[in-house]
Protein backbone atom coordinates (compact mmCIF):
# COMPACT_ATOMS: atom_id res chain seq x y z
CA MET A 1 95.05 117.35 54.67
CA VAL A 2 97.22 118.27 51.68
CA LEU A 3 96.99 121.95 52.53
CA ASN A 4 98.00 121.12 56.08
CA TYR A 5 101.21 119.43 54.90
CA ILE A 6 101.97 122.26 52.48
CA TRP A 7 101.50 124.86 55.21
CA ILE A 8 103.73 122.99 57.65
CA GLY A 9 106.32 122.37 54.91
CA LEU A 10 106.56 126.05 53.94
CA VAL A 11 107.01 127.12 57.56
CA LEU A 12 109.58 124.42 58.43
CA VAL A 13 111.59 124.99 55.25
CA ALA A 14 111.61 128.73 55.96
CA VAL A 15 112.93 128.15 59.48
CA ALA A 16 115.52 125.60 58.29
CA VAL A 17 116.83 127.90 55.56
CA GLY A 18 116.91 130.73 58.10
CA CYS A 19 119.07 128.60 60.41
CA VAL A 20 121.48 127.88 57.56
CA GLN A 21 121.67 131.57 56.70
CA PHE A 22 122.38 132.41 60.35
CA PHE A 23 124.93 129.73 61.29
CA ALA A 24 126.67 129.19 57.93
CA TYR A 25 126.67 132.72 56.51
CA GLY A 26 126.38 134.87 59.63
CA GLN A 27 123.23 136.66 58.47
CA THR A 28 122.27 137.83 61.93
CA ASP A 29 119.08 139.60 60.93
CA ILE A 30 117.49 136.68 59.05
CA PHE A 31 115.23 135.63 61.92
CA THR A 32 114.10 139.22 62.34
CA GLN A 33 113.22 139.32 58.64
CA ILE A 34 111.27 136.06 58.89
CA LEU A 35 109.44 137.26 61.99
CA ASN A 36 108.63 140.62 60.43
CA SER A 37 107.25 138.83 57.36
CA THR A 38 104.65 137.11 59.56
CA PHE A 39 103.38 140.47 60.82
CA SER A 40 103.37 142.08 57.38
CA SER A 41 101.67 139.05 55.81
CA ALA A 42 99.01 139.00 58.52
CA LYS A 43 98.40 142.71 57.91
CA THR A 44 98.18 142.11 54.16
CA GLY A 45 95.68 139.29 54.68
CA PHE A 46 93.47 141.50 56.82
CA GLU A 47 93.70 144.40 54.36
CA ILE A 48 92.76 142.11 51.46
CA SER A 49 89.74 140.81 53.39
CA LEU A 50 88.76 144.33 54.40
CA GLY A 51 89.08 145.48 50.80
CA LEU A 52 86.83 142.62 49.71
CA THR A 53 84.04 143.69 52.08
CA GLY A 54 82.62 146.42 49.85
CA VAL A 55 82.93 144.36 46.68
CA LEU A 56 81.38 141.30 48.30
CA THR A 57 78.52 143.37 49.67
CA LEU A 58 77.83 144.84 46.22
CA TRP A 59 77.98 141.63 44.25
CA LEU A 60 76.20 139.38 46.72
CA GLY A 61 73.39 141.93 46.65
CA ILE A 62 73.33 141.90 42.85
CA MET A 63 73.43 138.11 42.79
CA LYS A 64 70.41 138.00 45.09
CA ILE A 65 68.52 140.26 42.64
CA GLY A 66 69.44 137.91 39.80
CA GLU A 67 68.42 134.90 41.84
CA ARG A 68 64.97 136.27 42.69
CA GLY A 69 64.49 137.57 39.16
CA GLY A 70 65.23 134.16 37.67
CA ILE A 71 68.33 135.16 35.68
CA VAL A 72 70.67 132.89 37.62
CA GLN A 73 68.34 129.97 36.96
CA GLY A 74 68.33 130.97 33.28
CA PHE A 75 72.12 130.80 33.20
CA SER A 76 71.88 127.39 34.86
CA ARG A 77 69.66 126.08 32.06
CA ALA A 78 71.91 127.58 29.37
CA VAL A 79 75.08 125.84 30.57
CA ALA A 80 73.33 122.68 31.82
CA PRO A 81 74.28 120.43 28.84
CA PHE A 82 78.02 120.96 29.38
CA PHE A 83 78.03 121.49 33.14
CA SER A 84 75.85 118.42 33.76
CA ARG A 85 78.65 116.33 32.18
CA ILE A 86 81.50 117.78 34.21
CA PHE A 87 79.39 118.27 37.37
CA PRO A 88 77.34 115.05 37.34
CA GLU A 89 76.58 115.25 41.08
CA VAL A 90 74.82 118.63 40.81
CA PRO A 91 71.03 118.32 40.19
CA LYS A 92 69.64 119.66 36.92
CA GLY A 93 68.62 123.32 37.07
CA HIS A 94 70.50 123.92 40.34
CA PRO A 95 71.35 127.62 40.87
CA ALA A 96 75.01 126.68 41.41
CA PHE A 97 75.32 126.25 37.62
CA GLY A 98 74.44 129.90 37.06
CA SER A 99 76.79 131.15 39.79
CA MET A 100 79.68 129.05 38.47
CA PHE A 101 79.08 130.21 34.91
CA MET A 102 79.08 133.86 35.98
CA ASN A 103 82.25 133.39 38.05
CA ILE A 104 84.13 131.75 35.17
CA SER A 105 82.87 134.40 32.73
CA ALA A 106 84.02 137.21 35.03
CA ASN A 107 87.47 135.61 35.32
CA MET A 108 87.72 135.30 31.53
CA LEU A 109 87.01 139.03 31.19
CA GLY A 110 89.58 139.95 33.85
CA LEU A 111 86.88 141.13 36.30
CA ASP A 112 88.51 139.77 39.46
CA ASN A 113 86.47 141.91 41.84
CA ALA A 114 83.22 140.57 40.39
CA ALA A 115 84.47 136.97 40.11
CA THR A 116 85.28 136.39 43.79
CA PRO A 117 81.78 137.03 45.22
CA MET A 118 80.22 134.95 42.46
CA GLY A 119 82.68 132.14 43.17
CA LEU A 120 81.97 132.20 46.90
CA LYS A 121 78.26 132.11 46.16
CA ALA A 122 78.75 129.09 43.89
CA MET A 123 80.86 127.31 46.51
CA GLN A 124 78.19 127.94 49.15
CA GLU A 125 75.52 126.48 46.86
CA LEU A 126 77.70 123.44 46.16
CA GLN A 127 78.23 122.97 49.90
CA GLU A 128 74.46 122.81 50.43
CA ILE A 129 74.31 119.60 48.36
CA ASN A 130 77.59 118.20 49.69
CA PRO A 131 76.85 115.09 51.81
CA HIS A 132 80.18 115.36 53.68
CA LYS A 133 80.42 118.93 54.94
CA GLU A 134 84.12 118.86 55.88
CA LYS A 135 85.27 117.05 52.72
CA ALA A 136 85.42 118.69 49.28
CA SER A 137 82.92 117.14 46.87
CA ASN A 138 83.79 116.23 43.28
CA ALA A 139 81.82 119.24 42.03
CA MET A 140 83.69 121.60 44.38
CA ILE A 141 87.04 120.29 43.17
CA MET A 142 86.10 120.63 39.50
CA PHE A 143 84.88 124.19 40.04
CA LEU A 144 87.93 125.20 42.06
CA VAL A 145 90.39 123.81 39.49
CA LEU A 146 88.58 125.54 36.61
CA ASN A 147 88.73 128.71 38.69
CA THR A 148 92.43 128.43 39.53
CA SER A 149 93.42 127.60 35.96
CA GLY A 150 92.83 131.29 35.23
CA LEU A 151 91.35 131.27 31.69
CA THR A 152 91.70 134.91 30.61
CA LEU A 153 90.50 136.56 27.42
CA ILE A 154 91.18 140.20 28.36
CA PRO A 155 94.30 140.59 30.58
CA VAL A 156 93.76 144.31 31.17
CA SER A 157 95.74 144.57 34.44
CA VAL A 158 98.92 143.10 32.93
CA MET A 159 98.70 145.40 29.92
CA VAL A 160 98.26 148.38 32.24
CA TYR A 161 101.40 147.46 34.22
CA ARG A 162 103.36 147.08 30.99
CA ALA A 163 102.20 150.50 29.82
CA GLN A 164 103.19 152.08 33.13
CA LEU A 165 106.65 150.51 32.93
CA GLY A 166 107.34 151.90 29.47
CA ALA A 167 106.55 149.03 27.11
CA ALA A 168 106.54 150.21 23.49
CA ASN A 169 103.56 147.93 22.78
CA PRO A 170 101.85 146.93 26.05
CA THR A 171 99.41 144.62 24.22
CA ASP A 172 102.02 142.45 22.53
CA VAL A 173 101.47 139.80 25.24
CA PHE A 174 97.71 139.63 24.64
CA LEU A 175 97.77 136.62 22.31
CA PRO A 176 100.44 134.65 24.23
CA ILE A 177 98.49 135.09 27.49
CA MET A 178 95.28 133.87 25.90
CA LEU A 179 97.00 130.79 24.54
CA ALA A 180 98.81 129.99 27.81
CA THR A 181 95.67 130.28 29.94
CA TYR A 182 93.75 128.13 27.49
CA PHE A 183 96.29 125.30 27.86
CA SER A 184 96.21 125.72 31.64
CA THR A 185 92.42 125.44 31.76
CA LEU A 186 92.41 122.47 29.39
CA ALA A 187 94.99 120.65 31.54
CA GLY A 188 92.98 121.36 34.69
CA LEU A 189 89.76 120.10 33.11
CA VAL A 190 91.37 116.90 31.80
CA SER A 191 93.16 116.14 35.10
CA VAL A 192 89.94 116.41 37.13
CA CYS A 193 87.99 114.41 34.54
CA ILE A 194 90.55 111.62 34.82
CA ALA A 195 90.50 111.74 38.65
CA GLN A 196 86.69 111.63 38.68
CA ARG A 197 86.44 109.14 35.79
CA ILE A 198 84.42 111.53 33.65
CA ASN A 199 84.31 110.62 29.97
CA ILE A 200 86.26 113.46 28.32
CA PHE A 201 85.32 112.10 24.89
CA ASP A 202 81.62 112.71 25.52
CA LYS A 203 80.26 114.53 22.48
CA VAL A 204 78.99 117.50 24.55
CA ILE A 205 82.33 117.95 26.35
CA MET A 206 84.33 117.58 23.15
CA GLY A 207 81.92 119.84 21.25
CA THR A 208 82.24 122.55 23.90
CA VAL A 209 86.03 122.33 23.89
CA VAL A 210 86.11 122.55 20.08
CA CYS A 211 83.73 125.54 20.09
CA LEU A 212 85.81 127.28 22.76
CA THR A 213 88.94 126.61 20.71
CA LEU A 214 87.30 128.20 17.66
CA ILE A 215 86.20 131.23 19.71
CA VAL A 216 89.68 131.69 21.15
CA GLY A 217 91.14 131.32 17.66
CA GLY A 218 88.70 133.90 16.28
CA LEU A 219 89.53 136.35 19.06
CA LEU A 220 93.22 135.80 18.41
CA TYR A 221 92.68 136.55 14.72
CA VAL A 222 90.70 139.75 15.40
CA ALA A 223 93.09 140.93 18.11
CA ASN A 224 96.07 140.35 15.87
CA ARG A 225 94.57 142.65 13.23
CA LEU A 226 93.66 145.51 15.58
CA PRO A 227 96.18 148.30 16.23
CA GLU A 228 97.41 148.61 19.81
CA PRO A 229 95.41 151.71 20.92
CA THR A 230 92.21 150.24 19.52
CA LEU A 231 92.78 146.87 21.22
CA VAL A 232 93.43 148.42 24.65
CA LYS A 233 90.43 150.73 24.30
CA TRP A 234 87.95 148.08 23.20
CA SER A 235 89.20 145.48 25.68
CA SER A 236 88.43 147.87 28.52
CA VAL A 237 85.14 149.00 26.97
CA LEU A 238 84.01 145.42 26.36
CA SER A 239 84.66 144.40 29.97
CA SER A 240 82.75 147.41 31.34
CA VAL A 241 79.82 147.04 28.93
CA ILE A 242 79.37 143.34 29.69
CA LEU A 243 79.50 143.95 33.44
CA LEU A 244 76.98 146.82 33.29
CA ALA A 245 74.75 144.78 30.97
CA VAL A 246 74.65 141.97 33.54
CA ILE A 247 73.65 144.40 36.32
CA CYS A 248 70.96 146.07 34.20
CA CYS A 249 69.65 142.70 33.01
CA PHE A 250 69.33 141.49 36.60
CA ILE A 251 67.48 144.62 37.71
CA ILE A 252 65.12 144.85 34.71
CA THR A 253 64.21 141.16 34.85
CA ALA A 254 63.52 141.41 38.58
CA MET A 255 61.31 144.48 37.99
CA VAL A 256 59.34 142.66 35.27
CA LYS A 257 58.70 139.81 37.72
CA LYS A 258 57.59 142.36 40.33
CA VAL A 259 60.48 141.59 42.68
CA ASN A 260 61.33 144.24 45.28
CA VAL A 261 64.79 144.99 43.90
CA TYR A 262 65.95 147.12 46.82
CA ASP A 263 64.96 144.54 49.45
CA ALA A 264 66.57 141.76 47.41
CA PHE A 265 69.82 143.72 47.19
CA ILE A 266 69.85 144.41 50.93
CA ASP A 267 69.16 140.77 51.79
CA GLY A 268 72.06 139.63 49.64
CA ALA A 269 74.40 142.44 50.71
CA LYS A 270 74.02 141.55 54.39
CA ASP A 271 76.17 138.50 53.78
CA GLY A 272 79.06 140.61 52.43
CA PHE A 273 80.65 141.55 55.74
CA LYS A 274 80.09 138.10 57.24
CA THR A 275 81.74 136.51 54.21
CA ALA A 276 84.76 138.84 54.31
CA VAL A 277 85.29 138.21 58.03
CA GLY A 278 84.89 134.46 57.59
CA ILE A 279 87.81 134.14 55.19
CA ILE A 280 90.31 136.17 57.27
CA PRO A 281 91.82 133.24 59.27
CA TYR A 282 92.32 131.06 56.19
CA LEU A 283 93.79 133.88 54.15
CA ILE A 284 96.21 135.00 56.85
CA ALA A 285 97.34 131.41 57.45
CA ILE A 286 98.47 130.84 53.86
CA LEU A 287 99.94 134.33 53.41
CA VAL A 288 102.03 134.03 56.58
CA ALA A 289 103.52 130.71 55.44
CA VAL A 290 104.32 132.11 51.99
CA GLY A 291 105.80 135.28 53.49
CA MET A 292 108.13 133.26 55.74
CA PHE A 293 109.20 131.06 52.83
CA ARG A 294 110.08 134.09 50.73
CA ALA A 295 111.74 136.11 53.54
CA SER A 296 114.02 133.22 54.52
CA GLY A 297 115.61 133.17 51.07
CA ALA A 298 114.21 129.71 50.27
CA MET A 299 112.61 130.99 47.07
CA ASP A 300 115.94 132.42 45.86
CA LEU A 301 117.72 129.15 46.61
CA LEU A 302 115.09 127.23 44.66
CA ILE A 303 115.50 129.49 41.64
CA ARG A 304 119.30 129.13 41.65
CA ALA A 305 118.97 125.35 41.90
CA LEU A 306 116.58 125.31 38.95
CA ALA A 307 118.99 127.43 36.91
CA VAL A 308 121.78 124.92 37.56
CA PHE A 309 119.49 122.00 36.71
CA PHE A 310 118.20 123.44 33.44
CA GLY A 311 121.71 124.39 32.40
CA TRP A 312 122.94 120.89 33.24
CA ILE A 313 120.36 119.21 30.99
CA GLY A 314 121.29 121.55 28.15
CA LEU A 315 118.28 123.90 28.02
CA ASN A 316 118.47 127.58 27.29
CA THR A 317 118.31 129.26 30.72
CA ASP A 318 117.28 132.77 29.63
CA PHE A 319 113.81 132.10 31.05
CA VAL A 320 115.08 131.38 34.59
CA PRO A 321 114.94 135.02 35.85
CA ALA A 322 111.19 134.91 35.15
CA LEU A 323 110.63 131.78 37.25
CA PRO A 324 110.15 133.59 40.60
CA THR A 325 106.93 135.06 39.22
CA ALA A 326 105.79 131.63 38.02
CA LEU A 327 106.54 129.93 41.34
CA MET A 328 105.04 132.73 43.43
CA LYS A 329 101.77 132.98 41.46
CA PRO A 330 100.11 129.83 42.90
CA LEU A 331 101.02 131.08 46.39
CA SER A 332 100.35 134.81 46.27
CA GLY A 333 98.88 137.02 43.55
CA SER A 334 100.26 140.24 45.07
CA GLY A 335 103.67 138.60 45.56
CA ALA A 336 103.76 137.44 41.94
CA ARG A 337 102.66 140.89 40.78
CA GLY A 338 105.50 142.47 42.76
CA LEU A 339 108.03 140.04 41.26
CA MET A 340 106.66 140.75 37.76
CA VAL A 341 107.10 144.49 38.23
CA ASP A 342 110.56 143.95 39.72
CA ALA A 343 111.64 141.82 36.73
CA MET A 344 110.30 144.33 34.19
CA THR A 345 112.05 147.14 36.06
CA GLN A 346 115.35 145.24 36.15
CA TYR A 347 115.38 143.77 32.63
CA GLY A 348 113.03 146.16 30.79
CA ALA A 349 109.36 145.76 29.91
CA ASP A 350 110.22 144.92 26.29
CA SER A 351 112.97 142.41 27.11
CA PHE A 352 112.41 138.69 26.76
CA VAL A 353 112.19 138.34 30.56
CA GLY A 354 109.89 141.37 30.81
CA ARG A 355 107.45 139.90 28.32
CA LEU A 356 107.72 136.39 29.76
CA VAL A 357 106.88 137.46 33.32
CA SER A 358 103.81 139.22 31.92
CA ILE A 359 102.63 135.98 30.31
CA LEU A 360 103.43 133.95 33.43
CA GLN A 361 101.58 136.41 35.68
CA ALA A 362 98.37 135.96 33.68
CA SER A 363 98.74 132.32 32.66
CA THR A 364 97.52 130.83 35.97
CA ASP A 365 95.72 131.94 39.11
CA THR A 366 96.57 131.92 42.82
CA THR A 367 95.78 128.27 43.55
CA PHE A 368 96.51 128.24 47.29
CA TYR A 369 94.85 131.62 47.87
CA ILE A 370 91.68 130.52 46.08
CA LEU A 371 91.70 127.14 47.80
CA ALA A 372 92.13 128.74 51.24
CA VAL A 373 89.44 131.35 50.64
CA TYR A 374 86.83 129.22 48.85
CA PHE A 375 87.17 126.06 50.93
CA GLY A 376 87.67 128.03 54.14
CA TYR A 377 84.50 130.01 53.51
CA VAL A 378 82.33 126.87 53.54
CA GLY A 379 84.30 124.99 56.20
CA ILE A 380 86.03 122.41 54.00
CA LYS A 381 88.96 120.81 55.86
CA GLU A 382 89.80 117.92 53.52
CA SER A 383 90.63 119.19 50.03
CA ARG A 384 91.33 115.69 48.62
CA TYR A 385 93.07 115.99 45.21
CA ALA A 386 92.11 119.62 44.57
CA VAL A 387 95.65 120.90 45.20
CA VAL A 388 97.22 118.28 42.93
CA CYS A 389 94.90 119.01 40.00
CA GLY A 390 95.21 122.76 40.57
CA LEU A 391 99.00 122.50 40.46
CA ILE A 392 98.81 120.37 37.29
CA ALA A 393 96.89 123.22 35.66
CA ASP A 394 99.46 125.71 36.99
CA LEU A 395 102.36 123.63 35.68
CA ALA A 396 100.73 123.32 32.25
CA GLY A 397 100.19 127.08 32.18
CA ILE A 398 103.80 127.78 33.18
CA ILE A 399 105.25 125.37 30.59
CA ALA A 400 102.92 126.74 27.90
CA ALA A 401 103.82 130.33 28.83
CA ILE A 402 107.56 129.65 28.58
CA CYS A 403 107.24 127.80 25.25
CA ILE A 404 104.94 130.47 23.81
CA GLY A 405 107.26 133.19 25.10
CA TYR A 406 110.15 131.66 23.16
CA ILE A 407 107.99 131.30 20.04
CA PHE A 408 106.74 134.88 20.10
CA PHE A 409 109.60 136.90 21.57
CA TYR A 410 112.95 135.06 21.56
């Protein structure tokens, strides 16, 4: 229901702003731009889904090997003490625990292509135990919010863009990004716990949060002492090694248990194309609404209004040129990426704005994209409070990114 209102709101605001542009300012081509954005957004949605087909086929096949070899169940048992507290409705030892853990781990390592199939697999497993098939369960909402909060330990893609755009030290945003995403994830976890009346002071939950804080702090310390070339090199190597280790571990364990690895892979891979096709309508729907909103000039008007507001209350407004990236990120990852590149090109990769957009780009994830894809895949029509909690995590990430940007680079 919430997504329905958001979709309608984006479209109606886009049309209303277009009418103002046409009648008040004589911008005769505005409706053509809005109309063209619907076609280009629909094409983009199809291309994204088509591009996911191969990756989904690969990883759903690998997940099936892990499932039959018992590795996924092993992951489930490993994370059960913490996950059983924040996912109390999921039965002990359920394979969804393993799929969720692998999805979150892949996101933390910046392995987006591997994370999506694992996330869809987890959502499908959660749907199997969902008593109301068209309404998001508490476990689905918790998983989606943790997913959209975008906890990232190795933001390789952002560092690559900064290097391509001439940053003197592309990795100087590594620590700020890690801190910003941590605050985003923490805010998302706490907001869902409050909504679901989960005791956040439970010793297992608090112990896990403290341990994660210590790990993040240790990584920050090590990363701060490594020279730039070494950090970039080992970040990339670490991601690749971990991913290959997971694949090899799945295959070897399955072989030891005398599982037919090839047949298991084929059985899992068959779902790849069906999954990619299934998400096309939901993906195109949200991308078309976002494209219209942006093409109408509504996003630009919003940014100018925010600049006036922040100036009026006496805040430093040097961060305002970076806000388009922050506001676009929950709506469209590719749109936010384009705005990030545009800002770094205009202001310089090593400018305050250039560094801030890099932090903002990696501080949260594409909430509406993930919600449309994950919930659409399993037929969820009522998202309940998932959007609200996801946006709370996004807002926390944005505020943290701006504050950290000022601390580090202003």
